[in-house]
């Protein structure tokens, strides 16, 4: 273990990195990870990066999901309008936000 690797790993840990349970696949050394970057403290190597293709949602499924989300949005909108409890309003707004994010992801897939 070189002093340079030790310093780099310590810096990573001080800046929010985490120790990994799984040992290095090359030398079984301890690894730290931050923002998807894993560093072995012993050998300095990281596993090969593999591209994982994004899954495409079929148009028919996408259309069905959109319709379901739109129905849920109408229901939630009515609930929000009639709700007087602040905490319940916040929960409804969080759900609406999640649905909007999902809708955006479906649109981005195309």
N, C-alpha and C. Protein backbone atom coordinates (compact mmCIF):
# COMPACT_ATOMS: atom_id res chain seq x y z
N UNK A 1 0.85 -1.17 0.00
CA UNK A 1 0.00 0.00 0.00
C UNK A 1 0.90 1.24 0.00
N UNK A 2 0.76 2.03 -1.05
CA UNK A 2 1.60 3.22 -1.13
C UNK A 2 1.01 4.35 -0.31
N UNK A 3 1.87 5.26 0.07
CA UNK A 3 1.43 6.43 0.84
C UNK A 3 0.47 7.28 0.02
N UNK A 4 0.72 7.36 -1.29
CA UNK A 4 -0.14 8.15 -2.18
C UNK A 4 -1.56 7.58 -2.23
N UNK A 5 -1.67 6.24 -2.35
CA UNK A 5 -3.00 5.61 -2.37
C UNK A 5 -3.72 5.78 -1.04
N UNK A 6 -2.97 5.66 0.04
CA UNK A 6 -3.55 5.82 1.37
C UNK A 6 -4.09 7.24 1.53
N UNK A 7 -3.31 8.23 1.10
CA UNK A 7 -3.74 9.63 1.21
C UNK A 7 -4.97 9.87 0.34
N UNK A 8 -4.97 9.33 -0.88
CA UNK A 8 -6.12 9.52 -1.77
C UNK A 8 -7.37 8.90 -1.17
N UNK A 9 -7.26 7.69 -0.63
CA UNK A 9 -8.40 7.01 -0.01
C UNK A 9 -8.89 7.79 1.21
N UNK A 10 -7.97 8.30 2.03
CA UNK A 10 -8.36 9.09 3.20
C UNK A 10 -9.09 10.35 2.78
N UNK A 11 -8.58 11.01 1.75
CA UNK A 11 -9.24 12.22 1.23
C UNK A 11 -10.65 11.89 0.75
N UNK A 12 -10.78 10.77 0.04
CA UNK A 12 -12.10 10.36 -0.45
C UNK A 12 -13.06 10.13 0.73
N UNK A 13 -12.58 9.45 1.77
CA UNK A 13 -13.43 9.17 2.93
C UNK A 13 -13.83 10.46 3.64
N UNK A 14 -12.90 11.39 3.75
CA UNK A 14 -13.21 12.67 4.40
C UNK A 14 -14.21 13.49 3.59
N UNK A 15 -14.29 13.22 2.30
CA UNK A 15 -15.19 13.96 1.43
C UNK A 15 -16.46 13.17 1.08
N UNK A 16 -16.80 12.19 1.91
CA UNK A 16 -18.08 11.51 1.75
C UNK A 16 -18.04 10.14 1.12
N UNK A 17 -16.86 9.60 0.81
CA UNK A 17 -16.78 8.25 0.24
C UNK A 17 -17.13 7.22 1.31
N UNK A 18 -17.43 6.01 0.87
CA UNK A 18 -17.75 4.94 1.80
C UNK A 18 -16.85 3.74 1.55
N UNK A 19 -16.61 2.99 2.62
CA UNK A 19 -15.86 1.74 2.48
C UNK A 19 -16.78 0.69 1.89
N UNK A 20 -16.26 -0.09 0.97
CA UNK A 20 -17.05 -1.14 0.35
C UNK A 20 -16.87 -2.45 1.09
N UNK A 21 -17.93 -3.21 1.17
CA UNK A 21 -17.88 -4.51 1.83
C UNK A 21 -17.11 -5.51 0.96
N UNK A 22 -17.34 -5.44 -0.36
CA UNK A 22 -16.70 -6.37 -1.28
C UNK A 22 -15.23 -5.98 -1.47
N UNK A 23 -14.34 -6.96 -1.40
CA UNK A 23 -12.92 -6.66 -1.60
C UNK A 23 -12.61 -6.43 -3.08
N UNK A 24 -11.45 -5.90 -3.34
CA UNK A 24 -10.99 -5.67 -4.71
C UNK A 24 -10.97 -7.02 -5.45
N UNK A 25 -11.51 -7.07 -6.66
CA UNK A 25 -11.53 -8.34 -7.40
C UNK A 25 -10.14 -8.77 -7.88
N UNK A 26 -9.16 -7.87 -7.81
CA UNK A 26 -7.81 -8.19 -8.30
C UNK A 26 -6.88 -8.66 -7.19
N UNK A 27 -6.95 -7.99 -6.02
CA UNK A 27 -5.98 -8.31 -4.98
C UNK A 27 -6.62 -8.56 -3.61
N UNK A 28 -7.94 -8.49 -3.52
CA UNK A 28 -8.73 -8.63 -2.30
C UNK A 28 -8.46 -7.54 -1.26
N UNK A 29 -7.94 -6.41 -1.71
CA UNK A 29 -7.71 -5.27 -0.82
C UNK A 29 -9.01 -4.54 -0.51
N UNK A 30 -8.92 -3.60 0.40
CA UNK A 30 -10.06 -2.78 0.81
C UNK A 30 -10.30 -1.70 -0.24
N UNK A 31 -11.59 -1.45 -0.55
CA UNK A 31 -11.92 -0.42 -1.53
C UNK A 31 -12.80 0.65 -0.92
N UNK A 32 -12.69 1.88 -1.46
CA UNK A 32 -13.58 2.97 -1.09
C UNK A 32 -14.28 3.43 -2.36
N UNK A 33 -15.51 3.96 -2.20
CA UNK A 33 -16.26 4.38 -3.38
C UNK A 33 -16.88 5.75 -3.15
N UNK A 34 -16.80 6.58 -4.19
CA UNK A 34 -17.47 7.87 -4.19
C UNK A 34 -17.90 8.18 -5.61
N UNK A 35 -19.19 8.53 -5.75
CA UNK A 35 -19.75 8.92 -7.04
C UNK A 35 -19.47 7.89 -8.14
N UNK A 36 -19.59 6.61 -7.78
CA UNK A 36 -19.42 5.55 -8.76
C UNK A 36 -17.98 5.17 -9.04
N UNK A 37 -17.03 5.82 -8.40
CA UNK A 37 -15.61 5.54 -8.61
C UNK A 37 -15.11 4.74 -7.42
N UNK A 38 -14.68 3.51 -7.67
CA UNK A 38 -14.15 2.65 -6.61
C UNK A 38 -12.63 2.61 -6.72
N UNK A 39 -11.97 2.76 -5.59
CA UNK A 39 -10.50 2.75 -5.55
C UNK A 39 -10.05 1.70 -4.55
N UNK A 40 -9.15 0.82 -4.99
CA UNK A 40 -8.56 -0.16 -4.09
C UNK A 40 -7.38 0.51 -3.38
N UNK A 41 -7.38 0.45 -2.06
CA UNK A 41 -6.31 1.08 -1.29
C UNK A 41 -5.00 0.30 -1.43
N UNK A 42 -5.10 -0.99 -1.72
CA UNK A 42 -3.91 -1.83 -1.79
C UNK A 42 -3.22 -1.76 -3.16
N UNK A 43 -3.98 -1.95 -4.26
CA UNK A 43 -3.34 -2.00 -5.58
C UNK A 43 -3.66 -0.80 -6.46
N UNK A 44 -4.66 -0.01 -6.08
CA UNK A 44 -5.00 1.18 -6.86
C UNK A 44 -5.85 0.93 -8.09
N UNK A 45 -6.21 -0.32 -8.33
CA UNK A 45 -7.01 -0.64 -9.52
C UNK A 45 -8.49 -0.50 -9.23
N UNK A 46 -9.25 -0.37 -10.30
CA UNK A 46 -10.71 -0.35 -10.20
C UNK A 46 -11.25 -1.32 -11.24
N UNK A 47 -12.42 -1.92 -10.97
CA UNK A 47 -12.99 -2.87 -11.92
C UNK A 47 -13.29 -2.20 -13.26
N UNK A 48 -13.29 -3.01 -14.30
CA UNK A 48 -13.62 -2.49 -15.63
C UNK A 48 -15.03 -1.94 -15.61
N UNK A 49 -15.22 -0.83 -16.30
CA UNK A 49 -16.56 -0.24 -16.39
C UNK A 49 -17.28 -0.88 -17.57
N UNK A 50 -18.52 -1.24 -17.34
CA UNK A 50 -19.32 -1.85 -18.39
C UNK A 50 -20.52 -0.97 -18.65
N UNK A 51 -20.79 -0.72 -19.90
CA UNK A 51 -21.95 0.07 -20.29
C UNK A 51 -23.20 -0.80 -20.20
N UNK A 52 -24.19 -0.30 -19.51
CA UNK A 52 -25.46 -1.01 -19.40
C UNK A 52 -26.48 -0.23 -20.22
N UNK A 53 -26.99 -0.83 -21.29
CA UNK A 53 -27.95 -0.10 -22.12
C UNK A 53 -29.24 0.18 -21.36
N UNK A 54 -29.78 1.37 -21.59
CA UNK A 54 -31.04 1.75 -20.95
C UNK A 54 -32.18 0.95 -21.56
N UNK A 55 -33.08 0.51 -20.72
CA UNK A 55 -34.23 -0.25 -21.20
C UNK A 55 -35.25 0.69 -21.82
N UNK A 56 -35.75 0.30 -22.96
CA UNK A 56 -36.78 1.08 -23.65
C UNK A 56 -38.15 0.53 -23.26
N UNK A 57 -39.04 1.44 -22.93
CA UNK A 57 -40.42 1.03 -22.61
C UNK A 57 -41.20 0.99 -23.91
N UNK A 58 -41.87 -0.12 -24.20
CA UNK A 58 -42.68 -0.18 -25.42
C UNK A 58 -43.74 0.92 -25.42
N UNK A 59 -44.06 1.43 -26.59
CA UNK A 59 -45.01 2.55 -26.73
C UNK A 59 -46.36 2.23 -26.10
N UNK A 60 -46.85 0.99 -26.28
CA UNK A 60 -48.16 0.63 -25.71
C UNK A 60 -48.11 0.68 -24.18
N UNK A 61 -47.03 0.21 -23.59
CA UNK A 61 -46.88 0.25 -22.14
C UNK A 61 -46.76 1.69 -21.67
N UNK A 62 -45.98 2.47 -22.40
CA UNK A 62 -45.79 3.87 -22.07
C UNK A 62 -47.11 4.62 -22.08
N UNK A 63 -47.93 4.35 -23.08
CA UNK A 63 -49.23 4.99 -23.19
C UNK A 63 -50.13 4.61 -22.01
N UNK A 64 -50.12 3.36 -21.63
CA UNK A 64 -50.92 2.88 -20.51
C UNK A 64 -50.47 3.54 -19.21
N UNK A 65 -49.15 3.63 -19.03
CA UNK A 65 -48.61 4.26 -17.81
C UNK A 65 -49.01 5.73 -17.76
N UNK A 66 -48.92 6.42 -18.89
CA UNK A 66 -49.29 7.84 -18.94
C UNK A 66 -50.75 8.04 -18.54
N UNK A 67 -51.63 7.20 -19.08
CA UNK A 67 -53.06 7.30 -18.76
C UNK A 67 -53.30 7.07 -17.27
N UNK A 68 -52.61 6.08 -16.71
CA UNK A 68 -52.76 5.79 -15.28
C UNK A 68 -52.28 6.95 -14.44
N UNK A 69 -51.13 7.51 -14.81
CA UNK A 69 -50.59 8.66 -14.06
C UNK A 69 -51.54 9.85 -14.16
N UNK A 70 -52.09 10.09 -15.32
CA UNK A 70 -53.03 11.21 -15.48
C UNK A 70 -54.26 11.03 -14.59
N UNK A 71 -54.77 9.81 -14.51
CA UNK A 71 -55.91 9.54 -13.64
C UNK A 71 -55.55 9.80 -12.18
N UNK A 72 -54.38 9.31 -11.78
CA UNK A 72 -53.93 9.51 -10.40
C UNK A 72 -53.73 10.99 -10.09
N UNK A 73 -53.22 11.74 -11.05
CA UNK A 73 -52.99 13.18 -10.87
C UNK A 73 -54.33 13.89 -10.64
N UNK A 74 -55.36 13.51 -11.37
CA UNK A 74 -56.68 14.13 -11.18
C UNK A 74 -57.22 13.83 -9.79
N UNK A 75 -57.08 12.59 -9.36
CA UNK A 75 -57.54 12.19 -8.02
C UNK A 75 -56.78 12.97 -6.95
N UNK A 76 -55.47 13.01 -7.09
CA UNK A 76 -54.65 13.72 -6.11
C UNK A 76 -54.92 15.22 -6.09
N UNK A 77 -55.18 15.77 -7.26
CA UNK A 77 -55.50 17.19 -7.35
C UNK A 77 -56.76 17.52 -6.57
N UNK A 78 -57.76 16.66 -6.70
CA UNK A 78 -59.01 16.85 -5.96
C UNK A 78 -58.77 16.69 -4.46
N UNK A 79 -58.00 15.68 -4.09
CA UNK A 79 -57.69 15.45 -2.67
C UNK A 79 -56.96 16.66 -2.09
N UNK A 80 -55.99 17.19 -2.84
CA UNK A 80 -55.21 18.33 -2.38
C UNK A 80 -56.11 19.55 -2.20
N UNK A 81 -57.03 19.75 -3.11
CA UNK A 81 -57.94 20.90 -3.05
C UNK A 81 -58.83 20.84 -1.80
N UNK A 82 -59.22 19.63 -1.42
CA UNK A 82 -60.15 19.47 -0.30
C UNK A 82 -59.46 19.26 1.04
N UNK A 83 -58.17 18.99 1.03
CA UNK A 83 -57.44 18.67 2.27
C UNK A 83 -57.11 19.94 3.05
N UNK A 84 -57.33 19.91 4.37
CA UNK A 84 -57.00 21.05 5.22
C UNK A 84 -55.80 20.79 6.12
N UNK A 85 -55.46 19.52 6.31
CA UNK A 85 -54.31 19.16 7.15
C UNK A 85 -53.02 19.41 6.36
N UNK A 86 -52.16 20.26 6.91
CA UNK A 86 -50.92 20.65 6.22
C UNK A 86 -50.01 19.45 5.92
N UNK A 87 -49.87 18.54 6.88
CA UNK A 87 -49.00 17.37 6.68
C UNK A 87 -49.52 16.49 5.55
N UNK A 88 -50.82 16.30 5.50
CA UNK A 88 -51.41 15.48 4.43
C UNK A 88 -51.25 16.17 3.08
N UNK A 89 -51.35 17.51 3.09
CA UNK A 89 -51.12 18.26 1.85
C UNK A 89 -49.70 18.03 1.35
N UNK A 90 -48.74 18.04 2.26
CA UNK A 90 -47.34 17.82 1.89
C UNK A 90 -47.14 16.42 1.31
N UNK A 91 -47.78 15.43 1.90
CA UNK A 91 -47.69 14.06 1.40
C UNK A 91 -48.26 13.96 -0.02
N UNK A 92 -49.40 14.61 -0.23
CA UNK A 92 -50.02 14.60 -1.56
C UNK A 92 -49.10 15.27 -2.57
N UNK A 93 -48.51 16.41 -2.17
CA UNK A 93 -47.60 17.12 -3.08
C UNK A 93 -46.36 16.29 -3.42
N UNK A 94 -45.85 15.54 -2.45
CA UNK A 94 -44.70 14.66 -2.71
C UNK A 94 -45.08 13.58 -3.73
N UNK A 95 -46.27 13.03 -3.57
CA UNK A 95 -46.74 12.00 -4.50
C UNK A 95 -46.91 12.58 -5.90
N UNK A 96 -47.49 13.78 -5.97
CA UNK A 96 -47.65 14.44 -7.27
C UNK A 96 -46.29 14.67 -7.91
N UNK A 97 -45.32 15.12 -7.12
CA UNK A 97 -43.97 15.35 -7.64
C UNK A 97 -43.36 14.06 -8.18
N UNK A 98 -43.54 12.96 -7.47
CA UNK A 98 -43.02 11.66 -7.93
C UNK A 98 -43.66 11.26 -9.25
N UNK A 99 -44.97 11.49 -9.36
CA UNK A 99 -45.66 11.15 -10.61
C UNK A 99 -45.16 12.01 -11.77
N UNK A 100 -44.92 13.29 -11.49
CA UNK A 100 -44.39 14.18 -12.54
C UNK A 100 -42.99 13.74 -12.99
N UNK A 101 -42.15 13.33 -12.03
CA UNK A 101 -40.82 12.83 -12.36
C UNK A 101 -40.91 11.58 -13.23
N UNK A 102 -41.82 10.70 -12.88
CA UNK A 102 -42.01 9.47 -13.66
C UNK A 102 -42.48 9.81 -15.06
N UNK A 103 -43.41 10.74 -15.17
CA UNK A 103 -43.90 11.16 -16.48
C UNK A 103 -42.76 11.73 -17.32
N UNK A 104 -41.89 12.51 -16.69
CA UNK A 104 -40.74 13.07 -17.40
C UNK A 104 -39.79 12.00 -17.89
N UNK A 105 -39.59 10.96 -17.09
CA UNK A 105 -38.71 9.86 -17.49
C UNK A 105 -39.28 9.10 -18.67
N UNK A 106 -40.58 8.94 -18.68
CA UNK A 106 -41.22 8.25 -19.81
C UNK A 106 -41.05 9.07 -21.08
N UNK A 107 -41.20 10.38 -20.98
CA UNK A 107 -41.04 11.25 -22.15
C UNK A 107 -39.59 11.23 -22.65
N UNK A 108 -38.63 11.17 -21.69
CA UNK A 108 -37.21 11.17 -22.05
C UNK A 108 -36.79 9.90 -22.76
N UNK A 109 -37.53 8.80 -22.53
CA UNK A 109 -37.21 7.51 -23.14
C UNK A 109 -37.39 7.50 -24.64
N UNK A 110 -38.21 8.38 -25.14
CA UNK A 110 -38.54 8.34 -26.56
C UNK A 110 -37.44 8.88 -27.41
